[in-house]
Protein backbone atom coordinates (compact mmCIF):
# COMPACT_ATOMS: atom_id res chain seq x y z
CA MET A 1 2.60 -18.03 -28.61
CA GLN A 2 3.38 -14.47 -29.54
CA HIS A 3 1.99 -12.01 -27.05
CA PRO A 4 0.64 -8.73 -28.50
CA LEU A 5 2.42 -6.72 -25.80
CA LEU A 6 5.81 -7.74 -27.18
CA ALA A 7 5.31 -5.47 -30.18
CA SER A 8 6.13 -2.54 -27.92
CA PHE A 9 9.55 -3.92 -26.99
CA THR A 10 12.67 -3.10 -29.03
CA ALA A 11 13.43 -5.34 -31.99
CA LEU A 12 16.54 -6.79 -30.38
CA THR A 13 14.84 -7.52 -27.05
CA ALA A 14 11.81 -8.93 -28.82
CA ALA A 15 13.97 -11.33 -30.82
CA VAL A 16 15.53 -12.66 -27.64
CA MET A 17 12.14 -12.94 -25.97
CA PHE A 18 10.53 -14.83 -28.81
CA ALA A 19 13.37 -17.33 -28.87
CA GLY A 20 12.48 -18.44 -25.34
CA CYS A 21 8.73 -17.81 -25.24
CA ASN A 22 6.79 -20.93 -24.28
CA ASN A 23 3.12 -21.41 -24.99
CA ASP A 24 0.75 -23.51 -22.96
CA THR A 25 1.72 -26.69 -24.79
CA GLY A 26 5.41 -26.22 -24.07
CA SER A 27 6.34 -25.53 -27.72
CA THR A 28 8.12 -22.45 -28.98
CA GLU A 29 7.39 -20.27 -31.96
CA LEU A 30 9.03 -17.46 -33.84
CA PRO A 31 7.53 -14.20 -35.12
CA GLY A 32 5.28 -14.83 -38.09
CA GLN A 33 4.03 -18.21 -36.93
CA GLU A 34 0.75 -16.98 -35.45
CA GLU A 35 -1.25 -18.25 -38.44
CA GLU A 36 -0.37 -21.83 -37.46
CA HIS A 37 -2.49 -21.66 -34.31
CA GLU A 38 -5.69 -23.66 -34.33
CA HIS A 39 -7.67 -21.08 -32.36
CA GLU A 40 -8.61 -17.51 -33.19
CA HIS A 41 -6.57 -14.80 -31.47
CA THR A 42 -7.75 -11.48 -30.11
CA ASP A 43 -5.84 -8.26 -29.51
CA GLN A 44 -6.32 -8.50 -25.74
CA PRO A 45 -3.23 -9.68 -23.84
CA GLY A 46 -3.27 -11.17 -20.37
CA ARG A 47 -5.35 -13.71 -18.47
CA LEU A 48 -8.48 -13.22 -16.40
CA VAL A 49 -8.69 -15.05 -13.10
CA ILE A 50 -12.38 -15.64 -12.34
CA GLY A 51 -13.73 -16.95 -9.05
CA GLU A 52 -16.67 -19.34 -8.71
CA SER A 53 -18.42 -19.48 -5.33
CA ASN A 54 -20.16 -22.85 -5.01
CA GLY A 55 -19.66 -24.13 -1.46
CA SER A 56 -17.36 -27.14 -1.31
CA ASN A 57 -17.26 -27.16 -5.12
CA SER A 58 -15.88 -23.62 -5.42
CA ARG A 59 -13.27 -23.08 -8.12
CA VAL A 60 -11.08 -20.52 -9.82
CA HIS A 61 -10.90 -20.35 -13.62
CA VAL A 62 -8.16 -18.81 -15.78
CA TYR A 63 -9.26 -17.36 -19.13
CA ASP A 64 -6.55 -16.51 -21.64
CA LEU A 65 -7.58 -13.34 -23.46
CA GLU A 66 -5.16 -13.69 -26.37
CA SER A 67 -6.34 -17.18 -27.29
CA ALA A 68 -9.94 -16.56 -26.15
CA ALA A 69 -10.00 -19.88 -24.31
CA MET A 70 -9.79 -21.27 -20.80
CA ALA A 71 -6.19 -21.93 -19.74
CA GLY A 72 -6.85 -23.53 -16.35
CA ASP A 73 -9.46 -24.58 -13.80
CA PHE A 74 -8.67 -25.28 -10.12
CA ALA A 75 -10.60 -26.43 -7.07
CA LEU A 76 -10.52 -24.00 -4.13
CA THR A 77 -10.43 -24.89 -0.46
CA TYR A 78 -13.26 -22.45 0.30
CA PRO A 79 -15.57 -20.07 -1.63
CA PRO A 80 -13.87 -16.83 -2.77
CA SER A 81 -15.06 -13.51 -1.38
CA ALA A 82 -12.83 -11.47 -3.72
CA VAL A 83 -10.04 -11.91 -6.28
CA TYR A 84 -7.22 -9.36 -6.77
CA SER A 85 -4.10 -9.19 -8.92
CA SER A 86 -0.70 -8.97 -7.23
CA PRO A 87 1.27 -5.69 -7.47
CA GLY A 88 3.13 -6.88 -10.58
CA HIS A 89 0.08 -8.71 -12.00
CA ARG A 90 1.71 -12.14 -12.19
CA TYR A 91 -0.34 -13.64 -9.36
CA ALA A 92 -3.97 -13.63 -8.28
CA VAL A 93 -4.83 -13.27 -4.59
CA ILE A 94 -8.02 -15.26 -3.95
CA VAL A 95 -9.47 -14.01 -0.65
CA GLN A 96 -11.68 -16.34 1.39
CA ARG A 97 -12.74 -13.98 4.17
CA ASP A 98 -15.16 -16.26 5.99
CA ASN A 99 -12.48 -18.94 6.22
CA ASP A 100 -9.55 -16.76 7.34
CA GLN A 101 -7.23 -17.22 4.39
CA ALA A 102 -6.25 -16.21 0.87
CA GLN A 103 -5.04 -18.66 -1.77
CA LEU A 104 -2.54 -17.71 -4.46
CA LEU A 105 -2.54 -18.49 -8.17
CA ASP A 106 0.40 -18.06 -10.54
CA SER A 107 -1.01 -16.91 -13.89
CA GLY A 108 2.01 -18.28 -15.75
CA LEU A 109 2.68 -14.88 -17.37
CA ALA A 110 5.88 -13.15 -16.28
CA VAL A 111 8.94 -11.30 -17.58
CA HIS A 112 12.31 -12.58 -16.32
CA ASP A 113 15.29 -10.44 -17.31
CA ASP A 114 15.48 -10.72 -21.12
CA HIS A 115 12.81 -13.29 -21.77
CA VAL A 116 9.11 -13.94 -21.31
CA HIS A 117 7.51 -16.84 -19.46
CA GLU A 118 4.11 -17.83 -20.81
CA ASP A 119 3.40 -21.04 -18.96
CA PRO A 120 0.28 -22.88 -17.78
CA PRO A 121 -1.26 -21.32 -14.65
CA GLN A 122 -1.01 -23.12 -11.33
CA LEU A 123 -2.64 -22.83 -7.92
CA LEU A 124 0.08 -22.49 -5.28
CA SER A 125 0.14 -24.55 -2.11
CA THR A 126 1.08 -21.44 -0.08
CA THR A 127 -1.75 -19.51 1.60
CA LEU A 128 -1.94 -16.18 3.43
CA ASN A 129 -3.51 -16.89 6.80
CA GLY A 130 -5.20 -14.48 9.21
CA VAL A 131 -8.58 -13.65 10.70
CA LYS A 132 -11.09 -12.12 8.25
CA PRO A 133 -8.94 -10.80 5.37
CA THR A 134 -10.81 -7.84 3.90
CA HIS A 135 -9.05 -4.70 2.62
CA TYR A 136 -6.41 -5.07 -0.10
CA GLN A 137 -4.14 -2.14 -1.01
CA SER A 138 -1.51 -2.00 -3.77
CA HIS A 139 1.08 0.73 -4.30
CA GLU A 140 4.34 0.87 -6.30
CA GLY A 141 5.15 -2.81 -6.39
CA GLN A 142 3.93 -3.77 -2.91
CA ALA A 143 0.54 -4.89 -1.59
CA ALA A 144 -0.90 -5.18 1.91
CA LEU A 145 -3.77 -7.43 2.92
CA PHE A 146 -5.53 -6.30 6.11
CA PHE A 147 -7.10 -8.89 8.42
CA ASP A 148 -9.89 -7.49 10.62
CA GLY A 149 -9.44 -9.97 13.47
CA ASP A 150 -12.16 -11.11 15.87
CA ALA A 151 -12.72 -9.11 19.06
CA ASP A 152 -15.08 -11.70 20.56
CA ASN A 153 -12.34 -14.34 20.47
CA ALA A 154 -9.40 -12.06 21.32
CA ARG A 155 -7.83 -12.42 17.88
CA MET A 156 -6.31 -9.11 16.90
CA ALA A 157 -6.22 -7.38 13.52
CA SER A 158 -3.07 -7.72 11.44
CA PHE A 159 -1.63 -6.99 8.01
CA GLN A 160 0.70 -8.81 5.64
CA LEU A 161 2.96 -7.07 3.10
CA PHE A 162 4.14 -8.79 -0.07
CA SER A 163 5.38 -8.25 -3.61
CA ASP A 164 5.55 -10.42 -6.71
CA ALA A 165 9.15 -11.27 -5.88
CA SER A 166 8.23 -12.33 -2.35
CA LEU A 167 5.31 -14.44 -3.59
CA GLU A 168 7.74 -16.23 -5.88
CA SER A 169 10.06 -17.13 -3.01
CA GLY A 170 8.48 -16.25 0.35
CA PRO A 171 5.64 -15.39 0.26
CA LEU A 172 5.76 -12.36 2.64
CA LEU A 173 8.01 -9.35 3.01
CA ALA A 174 6.77 -8.85 6.57
CA SER A 175 3.66 -9.03 8.76
CA GLN A 176 2.38 -7.13 11.79
CA THR A 177 -0.18 -7.88 14.50
CA LEU A 178 -2.05 -4.84 15.85
CA ALA A 179 -3.34 -3.97 19.32
CA THR A 180 -7.05 -4.38 18.61
CA ALA A 181 -9.46 -6.17 16.30
CA HIS A 182 -11.22 -3.75 13.96
CA HIS A 183 -12.35 -3.31 10.35
CA GLY A 184 -9.33 -1.45 9.02
CA ILE A 185 -6.82 -0.75 6.29
CA ALA A 186 -3.08 -0.93 5.61
CA GLU A 187 -1.63 1.28 2.87
CA PRO A 188 1.93 0.53 1.60
CA TRP A 189 3.72 3.82 0.98
CA GLU A 190 7.31 5.08 0.74
CA GLY A 191 8.92 2.27 2.76
CA TYR A 192 6.14 2.34 5.34
CA VAL A 193 2.75 0.78 5.83
CA LEU A 194 0.14 3.26 7.10
CA ALA A 195 -2.18 1.07 9.17
CA SER A 196 -5.41 1.94 10.94
CA HIS A 197 -5.84 1.70 14.69
CA SER A 198 -8.93 1.71 16.89
CA ASP A 199 -9.62 3.29 20.28
CA SER A 200 -11.29 0.08 21.46
CA ASN A 201 -11.15 -3.61 20.70
CA GLY A 202 -13.83 -4.30 18.12
CA GLY A 203 -14.55 -0.62 17.63
CA ALA A 204 -14.36 1.45 14.47
CA ALA A 205 -11.01 2.48 13.05
CA SER A 206 -10.13 5.95 14.34
CA GLY A 207 -6.66 6.90 13.11
CA ILE A 208 -3.41 5.93 11.39
CA THR A 209 -0.12 4.57 12.73
CA PRO A 210 2.93 4.37 10.41
CA TYR A 211 4.99 1.16 10.42
CA GLN A 212 8.43 1.35 8.82
CA LEU A 213 9.69 -1.77 7.04
CA HIS A 214 13.00 -3.04 8.45
CA GLY A 215 14.08 -6.20 6.62
CA ASP A 216 11.53 -8.86 7.55
CA HIS A 217 9.71 -6.86 10.25
CA PHE A 218 8.23 -3.46 11.07
CA HIS A 219 9.09 -0.67 13.51
CA ALA A 220 6.04 1.25 14.71
CA SER A 221 6.11 5.05 14.78
CA ALA A 222 3.90 7.25 16.94
CA PRO A 223 0.27 7.42 15.77
CA LEU A 224 -0.49 10.43 13.56
CA ALA A 225 -1.89 13.32 15.57
CA THR A 226 -4.91 13.93 13.33
CA ALA A 227 -7.83 11.71 14.35
CA CYS A 228 -9.95 10.01 11.72
CA PRO A 229 -13.18 8.80 13.39
CA GLY A 230 -15.00 6.13 11.38
CA LEU A 231 -11.98 5.63 9.13
CA HIS A 232 -12.85 3.68 5.98
CA GLY A 233 -11.16 3.63 2.58
CA GLY A 234 -7.81 4.96 1.47
CA ALA A 235 -5.45 5.51 -1.43
CA ALA A 236 -2.01 6.93 -2.22
CA ASN A 237 -0.16 8.74 -4.98
CA GLN A 238 3.44 9.97 -5.21
CA THR A 239 3.08 12.73 -2.62
CA HIS A 240 0.12 11.92 -0.38
CA ALA A 241 -1.92 9.18 1.22
CA VAL A 242 -5.57 9.88 2.05
CA PHE A 243 -8.18 8.13 4.20
CA GLY A 244 -11.94 8.60 4.50
CA CYS A 245 -13.23 9.83 7.89
CA GLN A 246 -16.57 10.63 9.46
CA ASP A 247 -15.69 14.34 9.37
CA GLY A 248 -13.70 14.62 6.15
CA VAL A 249 -10.50 13.21 4.65
CA LEU A 250 -7.26 12.54 6.51
CA SER A 251 -4.37 13.76 4.34
CA VAL A 252 -0.81 12.52 4.96
CA ALA A 253 2.32 13.87 3.28
CA PHE A 254 5.87 12.52 3.66
CA THR A 255 8.47 15.28 3.95
CA GLU A 256 12.11 15.66 4.98
CA ASN A 257 10.84 16.26 8.50
CA GLY A 258 8.67 13.15 8.56
CA PHE A 259 4.93 12.81 8.20
CA GLU A 260 2.67 15.84 8.00
CA ASP A 261 -1.02 15.07 8.54
CA SER A 262 -4.11 17.25 8.34
CA LYS A 263 -7.87 17.04 7.87
CA LEU A 264 -9.77 18.13 4.77
CA PRO A 265 -13.22 18.93 6.25
CA LEU A 266 -16.33 17.58 4.52
CA SER A 267 -19.95 17.37 5.64
CA GLU A 268 -20.33 13.91 4.10
CA ARG A 269 -18.44 10.73 5.04
CA ILE A 270 -16.21 9.45 2.24
CA THR A 271 -15.85 5.67 2.54
CA GLN A 272 -14.22 4.68 -0.77
CA LEU A 273 -11.17 6.25 -2.41
CA VAL A 274 -9.09 5.55 -5.50
CA GLY A 275 -5.91 7.17 -6.75
CA HIS A 276 -2.99 6.74 -9.12
CA HIS A 277 0.68 7.60 -8.78
CA GLU A 278 0.50 10.00 -11.75
CA LEU A 279 -2.70 11.78 -10.65
CA ALA A 280 -2.59 14.75 -8.29
CA GLN A 281 -6.22 14.24 -7.26
CA PHE A 282 -8.06 11.28 -5.75
CA ALA A 283 -11.66 10.28 -6.36
CA GLY A 284 -13.86 9.36 -3.42
CA PHE A 285 -17.49 8.43 -2.92
CA ALA A 286 -19.62 9.59 0.00
CA GLY A 287 -22.84 7.69 -0.61
CA ALA A 288 -23.84 8.68 -4.16
CA SER A 289 -21.73 11.85 -4.10
CA LEU A 290 -18.38 11.74 -5.89
CA TYR A 291 -15.63 14.12 -4.79
CA ALA A 292 -12.30 15.06 -6.31
CA VAL A 293 -9.85 15.20 -3.40
CA ASN A 294 -6.79 17.38 -3.94
CA ALA A 295 -4.61 16.66 -0.93
CA ALA A 296 -1.84 19.05 -1.98
CA ALA A 297 -4.29 21.96 -2.32
CA GLY A 298 -6.43 20.85 0.62
CA THR A 299 -9.68 20.87 -1.40
CA THR A 300 -12.64 18.60 -2.07
CA THR A 301 -14.79 19.26 -5.12
CA LEU A 302 -18.12 17.65 -6.03
CA ILE A 303 -18.10 15.86 -9.42
CA ASP A 304 -21.11 15.28 -11.68
CA TRP A 305 -20.39 11.64 -12.49
CA ALA A 306 -23.85 10.50 -13.63
CA GLY A 307 -25.09 13.45 -15.70
CA GLY A 308 -28.40 13.55 -13.83
CA ALA A 309 -29.29 9.91 -14.58
CA VAL A 310 -32.14 8.39 -12.55
CA ASP A 311 -33.32 4.85 -11.88
CA GLY A 312 -36.72 3.33 -12.74
CA ASP A 313 -38.31 5.01 -9.72
CA GLY A 314 -36.99 8.44 -10.65
CA ASN A 315 -34.28 8.49 -7.97
CA PRO A 316 -30.71 9.54 -8.74
CA VAL A 317 -28.56 6.54 -9.63
CA ALA A 318 -26.07 5.26 -7.05
CA PRO A 319 -22.64 3.68 -7.58
CA ALA A 320 -22.46 -0.12 -7.54
CA ALA A 321 -18.72 -0.30 -8.29
CA PHE A 322 -16.01 2.11 -9.38
CA ASP A 323 -12.29 2.18 -10.12
CA LEU A 324 -9.47 3.90 -12.00
CA ASP A 325 -7.81 2.19 -14.93
CA ALA A 326 -4.20 1.01 -14.78
CA HIS A 327 -2.89 4.15 -16.49
CA GLY A 328 -4.79 6.69 -14.41
CA GLU A 329 -6.66 7.95 -17.49
CA HIS A 330 -10.25 6.81 -16.95
CA LEU A 331 -12.54 6.60 -13.96
CA ALA A 332 -15.23 3.96 -14.50
CA VAL A 333 -18.39 4.04 -12.38
CA LEU A 334 -21.01 1.32 -12.71
CA ASP A 335 -24.36 2.51 -11.38
CA ASN A 336 -27.15 0.50 -9.78
CA THR A 337 -29.14 0.33 -13.03
CA GLY A 338 -26.32 -1.40 -14.96
CA THR A 339 -25.05 1.68 -16.81
CA LEU A 340 -21.30 2.30 -16.94
CA HIS A 341 -20.17 5.94 -16.74
CA VAL A 342 -16.64 6.75 -17.91
CA LEU A 343 -14.91 9.97 -16.84
CA GLU A 344 -11.61 11.50 -17.96
CA ALA A 345 -9.40 11.41 -14.87
CA ALA A 346 -7.41 14.47 -15.94
CA ASP A 347 -10.36 16.80 -15.28
CA TRP A 348 -13.21 14.43 -14.23
CA SER A 349 -15.24 15.36 -17.31
CA ARG A 350 -17.78 12.82 -18.57
CA LYS A 351 -16.45 10.81 -21.53
CA GLY A 352 -19.49 8.66 -22.16
CA GLN A 353 -21.83 5.99 -20.85
CA VAL A 354 -23.04 2.58 -21.97
CA THR A 355 -25.48 0.03 -20.58
CA VAL A 356 -23.61 -3.16 -19.68
CA LEU A 357 -25.83 -5.12 -17.26
CA ASP A 358 -29.53 -5.94 -17.12
CA THR A 359 -29.40 -6.77 -13.41
CA VAL A 360 -27.08 -5.42 -10.72
CA GLY A 361 -26.88 -7.79 -7.77
CA SER A 362 -25.41 -7.29 -4.31
CA GLY A 363 -23.23 -9.22 -1.91
CA ALA A 364 -21.80 -12.35 -3.53
CA SER A 365 -23.75 -11.54 -6.70
CA ALA A 366 -22.38 -8.00 -7.02
CA PRO A 367 -20.54 -7.12 -10.24
CA ARG A 368 -16.74 -6.81 -10.11
CA LEU A 369 -14.46 -4.62 -12.22
CA ALA A 370 -10.97 -5.43 -13.51
CA PHE A 371 -8.80 -3.38 -15.86
CA SER A 372 -6.22 -4.60 -18.33
CA GLY A 373 -2.72 -3.56 -17.25
CA VAL A 374 -1.60 -2.85 -20.82
CA ASP A 375 -4.50 -1.45 -22.83
CA ASP A 376 -7.86 0.30 -22.50
CA HIS A 377 -10.10 -2.66 -21.76
CA LEU A 378 -12.37 -2.96 -18.74
CA PHE A 379 -13.84 -6.30 -17.70
CA ILE A 380 -17.11 -6.48 -15.73
CA THR A 381 -18.60 -9.63 -14.23
CA ASP A 382 -22.27 -10.33 -14.93
CA PRO A 383 -23.26 -13.06 -12.43
CA ALA A 384 -26.92 -13.00 -13.52
CA ARG A 385 -26.04 -13.89 -17.11
CA GLN A 386 -22.93 -15.98 -16.29
CA SER A 387 -20.56 -13.88 -18.33
CA VAL A 388 -17.85 -11.21 -18.35
CA ILE A 389 -18.48 -8.03 -20.32
CA VAL A 390 -15.54 -6.45 -22.19
CA VAL A 391 -15.68 -2.66 -22.56
CA ASP A 392 -13.40 -0.46 -24.69
CA LEU A 393 -12.81 2.62 -22.52
CA GLU A 394 -11.67 4.84 -25.39
CA SER A 395 -14.88 4.40 -27.37
CA VAL A 396 -17.02 3.58 -24.30
CA THR A 397 -18.62 0.63 -26.09
CA VAL A 398 -19.21 -3.02 -25.28
CA GLU A 399 -16.64 -4.84 -27.38
CA ASP A 400 -17.27 -8.45 -26.43
CA THR A 401 -18.98 -10.83 -24.01
CA ILE A 402 -17.13 -13.81 -22.56
CA GLU A 403 -19.68 -16.54 -21.97
CA LEU A 404 -19.21 -18.78 -18.91
CA ASP A 405 -21.04 -21.78 -17.49
CA PHE A 406 -20.98 -20.42 -13.92
CA ALA A 407 -21.75 -17.18 -12.10
CA PRO A 408 -18.47 -15.27 -11.71
CA ALA A 409 -17.57 -14.28 -8.13
CA GLY A 410 -14.42 -12.20 -8.15
CA LEU A 411 -12.26 -11.09 -11.08
CA ALA A 412 -8.64 -10.06 -11.64
CA TRP A 413 -6.51 -9.29 -14.71
CA THR A 414 -3.05 -10.89 -14.71
CA GLY A 415 -0.19 -10.39 -17.15
CA PHE A 416 2.87 -8.20 -17.46
CA SER A 417 3.55 -4.58 -18.36
CA GLU A 418 6.29 -3.20 -20.58
CA ASP A 419 8.51 -2.09 -17.71
CA GLY A 420 8.03 -5.37 -15.86
CA HIS A 421 6.63 -3.89 -12.67
CA ASP A 422 3.44 -2.41 -11.33
CA HIS A 423 2.24 1.14 -11.86
CA GLU A 424 -1.40 0.32 -11.53
CA GLU A 425 -3.98 2.28 -9.58
CA GLU A 426 -3.51 2.68 -5.84
CA GLU A 427 -6.88 2.20 -4.27
CA ASP A 428 -9.18 0.94 -1.60
CA HIS A 429 -10.17 -2.68 -2.28
CA ASP A 430 -12.82 -4.02 0.05
CA HIS A 431 -15.31 -6.78 -0.72
CA ASP A 432 -17.90 -5.14 1.55
CA HIS A 433 -18.20 -1.35 1.40
CA GLU A 434 -21.01 -1.17 3.93
CA HIS A 435 -18.99 -1.65 7.11
């Protein structure tokens, strides 16, 4: 099966790749044989991993975008609360928060040295275990899953760090148990993990402690001096990591002299942040207010993301979901009326808007966003209509609808990028933003 992404490789490398490229039936094919396929192809590479929450009958489905057909269907141990792609996009991390674990799925799409693997997906027997897995952070080839713990039963918060390579053989690079149980975050960054701490067991997160990775374990540094009461949400780029606080944004820079931390004051509490390694500014929501956060300049600037749009009652629209695309070019904000707003990330100007959903649910029925890692497609779950909406971000139009026979609960794009590793958005992933 020829993958559209391979067209961007050199002719010599592509020839080697095609010679060893397996399709889902185990056969091989050479360039020019696409017309022999029995199904219609699209120009969308990759596979969507789609969760189905149905009690003891919960499942995860794998939809191949290039062939426009299901490539796999697997029973889950427990209902999924969220689905994320691994740092390199080969795997899906299927979080089951209420049951203290995350299952792992191999999409079957991977680049190994000079050839491509395009195999059937498989659900792995390995699980990530811990109490109440919630926040998921990915940055430069590593991801950290934060487990909130349970203060009532003296089970402390923890985090687990992994990469695609470790999931293939491990699954973890390292893990760390913290001093208290709390709803927190762990941000992988520059050989460290910046993890939240709390002043009391079961209390709100209140600051950041750096943990340096040493082989298969961490060494804790002193907590950063700048407090961050009510800490929630975080992101990182090449020079800074930022975290939302009750009184502003905690900004952390890594210098030759170690960490330098400071507070960017703000009268509103930012609780959700997204960033990208190539973007100098972050985007963060405080309620319905969107701010551009420039950590290097120490500024926060209000952004008009909705163009004055109002809901049916005449109230300003509020965000239901938002994210940056894999290339750091577009910020997509889905509002509570079902309209998608697309902004240019370079200057936060409005690019366009399009209605994508008739009904915007909440909780388990809330819409989820997933971006292609190789092109300008955004995928949005529509649980009410049992489908996934495909949006072209360049034209800001609905390009397609993938019909399902179940209500999607969780969504991730899996595949591979040209350079074979992750440069996707670095962001705050949390299945429940109301903590």
